[in-house]
Amino acid sequence: MKRSSKTKKISELLSDFLQNKKSDNREVLSPLKLWQEIMGVHIKSETKNIYIDKQVLYINIKNPYLKSDLISQKGNILKKIQTLNKNIINVVFN
C-alpha cells in the first residue's frame, strides 16, 4: 500500500472516522426498530413477534389480510430492509 503524500489534520481524520461510525450504526438497528422504520407505527402495532435467525428476518403478523398484503409486497420490503441492514437476505411472514 502506497502512502499518500497529502497529509491530513487530526481533526479531519476524526471527523471522517465519526461520519463512518454514524453510517455503520444504521446496520445495528434492532429487528423491531428496523421494522418500524421501514413500515411505520401502524404496521408495527399489527406485529406480534420479530426476530432474526441466520440472516432471515421472521415477522409474525396478527391480521391475516395485512399478512397477505405484505407477502405480495415481499420483494419491495426486502429491498427497503437491505438498505438499512445488508446482512438480511430474506423475509418470512408467519
C-alpha atoms as a PDB file:
ATOM      1  CA  MET A   1       0.000   0.000   0.000  1.00  0.00           C
ATOM      2  CA  LYS A   2       1.459   3.313  -1.047  1.00  0.00           C
ATOM      3  CA  ARG A   3       1.478   6.182   1.329  1.00  0.00           C
ATOM      4  CA  SER A   4      -0.292   9.323   0.210  1.00  0.00           C
ATOM      5  CA  SER A   5       1.927  12.383   0.053  1.00  0.00           C
ATOM      6  CA  LYS A   6      -1.000  14.532   1.131  1.00  0.00           C
ATOM      7  CA  THR A   7      -1.297  14.810   4.900  1.00  0.00           C
ATOM      8  CA  LYS A   8      -4.479  15.448   6.832  1.00  0.00           C
ATOM      9  CA  LYS A   9      -5.095  17.242  10.076  1.00  0.00           C
ATOM     10  CA  ILE A  10      -6.151  15.153  13.059  1.00  0.00           C
ATOM     11  CA  SER A  11      -9.482  16.997  13.185  1.00  0.00           C
ATOM     12  CA  GLU A  12     -10.188  15.957   9.569  1.00  0.00           C
ATOM     13  CA  LEU A  13      -9.306  12.343  10.356  1.00  0.00           C
ATOM     14  CA  LEU A  14     -11.568  12.348  13.401  1.00  0.00           C
ATOM     15  CA  SER A  15     -14.490  13.834  11.503  1.00  0.00           C
ATOM     16  CA  ASP A  16     -14.049  11.215   8.738  1.00  0.00           C
ATOM     17  CA  PHE A  17     -13.959   8.483  11.371  1.00  0.00           C
ATOM     18  CA  LEU A  18     -17.092   9.757  13.125  1.00  0.00           C
ATOM     19  CA  GLN A  19     -19.010  10.040   9.837  1.00  0.00           C
ATOM     20  CA  ASN A  20     -18.149   6.426   9.032  1.00  0.00           C
ATOM     21  CA  LYS A  21     -19.303   5.343  12.502  1.00  0.00           C
ATOM     22  CA  LYS A  22     -22.641   7.110  12.032  1.00  0.00           C
ATOM     23  CA  SER A  23     -23.292   5.216   8.809  1.00  0.00           C
ATOM     24  CA  ASP A  24     -22.299   1.930  10.488  1.00  0.00           C
ATOM     25  CA  ASN A  25     -24.760   2.488  13.338  1.00  0.00           C
ATOM     26  CA  ARG A  26     -27.729   2.157  10.965  1.00  0.00           C
ATOM     27  CA  GLU A  27     -26.846  -1.503  10.475  1.00  0.00           C
ATOM     28  CA  VAL A  28     -27.119  -2.214  14.200  1.00  0.00           C
ATOM     29  CA  LEU A  29     -30.837  -1.468  14.484  1.00  0.00           C
ATOM     30  CA  SER A  30     -32.845  -3.994  16.456  1.00  0.00           C
ATOM     31  CA  PRO A  31     -35.331  -6.001  14.358  1.00  0.00           C
ATOM     32  CA  LEU A  32     -38.273  -4.156  15.914  1.00  0.00           C
ATOM     33  CA  LYS A  33     -36.817  -0.692  15.232  1.00  0.00           C
ATOM     34  CA  LEU A  34     -35.817  -1.754  11.735  1.00  0.00           C
ATOM     35  CA  TRP A  35     -39.368  -2.945  11.022  1.00  0.00           C
ATOM     36  CA  GLN A  36     -40.879   0.253  12.439  1.00  0.00           C
ATOM     37  CA  GLU A  37     -38.562   2.455  10.389  1.00  0.00           C
ATOM     38  CA  ILE A  38     -39.404   0.596   7.178  1.00  0.00           C
ATOM     39  CA  MET A  39     -43.152   0.061   7.635  1.00  0.00           C
ATOM     40  CA  GLY A  40     -44.289   2.636  10.191  1.00  0.00           C
ATOM     41  CA  VAL A  41     -46.007   2.547  13.561  1.00  0.00           C
ATOM     42  CA  HIS A  42     -49.365   1.164  12.354  1.00  0.00           C
ATOM     43  CA  ILE A  43     -47.868  -1.939  10.727  1.00  0.00           C
ATOM     44  CA  LYS A  44     -45.595  -2.414  13.744  1.00  0.00           C
ATOM     45  CA  SER A  45     -48.650  -2.392  16.011  1.00  0.00           C
ATOM     46  CA  GLU A  46     -50.105  -5.299  13.991  1.00  0.00           C
ATOM     47  CA  THR A  47     -46.927  -7.319  14.561  1.00  0.00           C
ATOM     48  CA  LYS A  48     -46.655  -9.988  17.270  1.00  0.00           C
ATOM     49  CA  ASN A  49     -43.016 -11.026  17.122  1.00  0.00           C
ATOM     50  CA  ILE A  50     -39.931 -10.126  15.099  1.00  0.00           C
ATOM     51  CA  TYR A  51     -36.571 -11.849  15.191  1.00  0.00           C
ATOM     52  CA  ILE A  52     -33.541 -12.560  13.025  1.00  0.00           C
ATOM     53  CA  ASP A  53     -32.153 -16.062  12.635  1.00  0.00           C
ATOM     54  CA  LYS A  54     -29.355 -16.931  10.190  1.00  0.00           C
ATOM     55  CA  GLN A  55     -29.741 -13.722   8.155  1.00  0.00           C
ATOM     56  CA  VAL A  56     -33.511 -14.200   7.793  1.00  0.00           C
ATOM     57  CA  LEU A  57     -35.982 -11.727   9.305  1.00  0.00           C
ATOM     58  CA  TYR A  58     -39.022 -13.552  10.711  1.00  0.00           C
ATOM     59  CA  ILE A  59     -42.160 -11.469  11.274  1.00  0.00           C
ATOM     60  CA  ASN A  60     -45.390 -12.676  12.901  1.00  0.00           C
ATOM     61  CA  ILE A  61     -48.399 -10.632  11.773  1.00  0.00           C
ATOM     62  CA  LYS A  62     -51.704 -10.566  13.734  1.00  0.00           C
ATOM     63  CA  ASN A  63     -54.028  -9.592  10.877  1.00  0.00           C
ATOM     64  CA  PRO A  64     -54.296 -12.250   8.121  1.00  0.00           C
ATOM     65  CA  TYR A  65     -55.366  -9.680   5.498  1.00  0.00           C
ATOM     66  CA  LEU A  66     -52.394  -7.475   6.262  1.00  0.00           C
ATOM     67  CA  LYS A  67     -50.162 -10.545   6.165  1.00  0.00           C
ATOM     68  CA  SER A  68     -51.317 -11.415   2.639  1.00  0.00           C
ATOM     69  CA  ASP A  69     -50.708  -7.817   1.511  1.00  0.00           C
ATOM     70  CA  LEU A  70     -47.203  -7.879   2.971  1.00  0.00           C
ATOM     71  CA  ILE A  71     -46.422 -11.213   1.329  1.00  0.00           C
ATOM     72  CA  SER A  72     -47.401  -9.759  -2.053  1.00  0.00           C
ATOM     73  CA  GLN A  73     -45.003  -6.835  -1.427  1.00  0.00           C
ATOM     74  CA  LYS A  74     -42.184  -9.033  -0.071  1.00  0.00           C
ATOM     75  CA  GLY A  75     -39.670  -8.075  -2.775  1.00  0.00           C
ATOM     76  CA  ASN A  76     -40.073  -4.339  -2.203  1.00  0.00           C
ATOM     77  CA  ILE A  77     -39.986  -4.754   1.565  1.00  0.00           C
ATOM     78  CA  LEU A  78     -36.796  -6.814   1.372  1.00  0.00           C
ATOM     79  CA  LYS A  79     -35.101  -4.119  -0.745  1.00  0.00           C
ATOM     80  CA  LYS A  80     -36.011  -1.452   1.818  1.00  0.00           C
ATOM     81  CA  ILE A  81     -34.756  -3.612   4.683  1.00  0.00           C
ATOM     82  CA  GLN A  82     -31.480  -4.281   2.889  1.00  0.00           C
ATOM     83  CA  THR A  83     -30.845  -0.548   2.546  1.00  0.00           C
ATOM     84  CA  LEU A  84     -30.726  -0.387   6.357  1.00  0.00           C
ATOM     85  CA  ASN A  85     -29.289  -3.831   7.116  1.00  0.00           C
ATOM     86  CA  LYS A  86     -27.306  -5.544   4.370  1.00  0.00           C
ATOM     87  CA  ASN A  87     -26.953  -8.738   6.401  1.00  0.00           C
ATOM     88  CA  ILE A  88     -30.613  -9.747   5.954  1.00  0.00           C
ATOM     89  CA  ILE A  89     -31.080 -11.915   2.876  1.00  0.00           C
ATOM     90  CA  ASN A  90     -34.720 -12.979   3.245  1.00  0.00           C
ATOM     91  CA  VAL A  91     -38.006 -12.081   4.974  1.00  0.00           C
ATOM     92  CA  VAL A  92     -40.526 -14.666   6.204  1.00  0.00           C
ATOM     93  CA  PHE A  93     -44.039 -13.718   7.306  1.00  0.00           C
ATOM     94  CA  ASN A  94     -45.606 -16.094   9.831  1.00  0.00           C
END
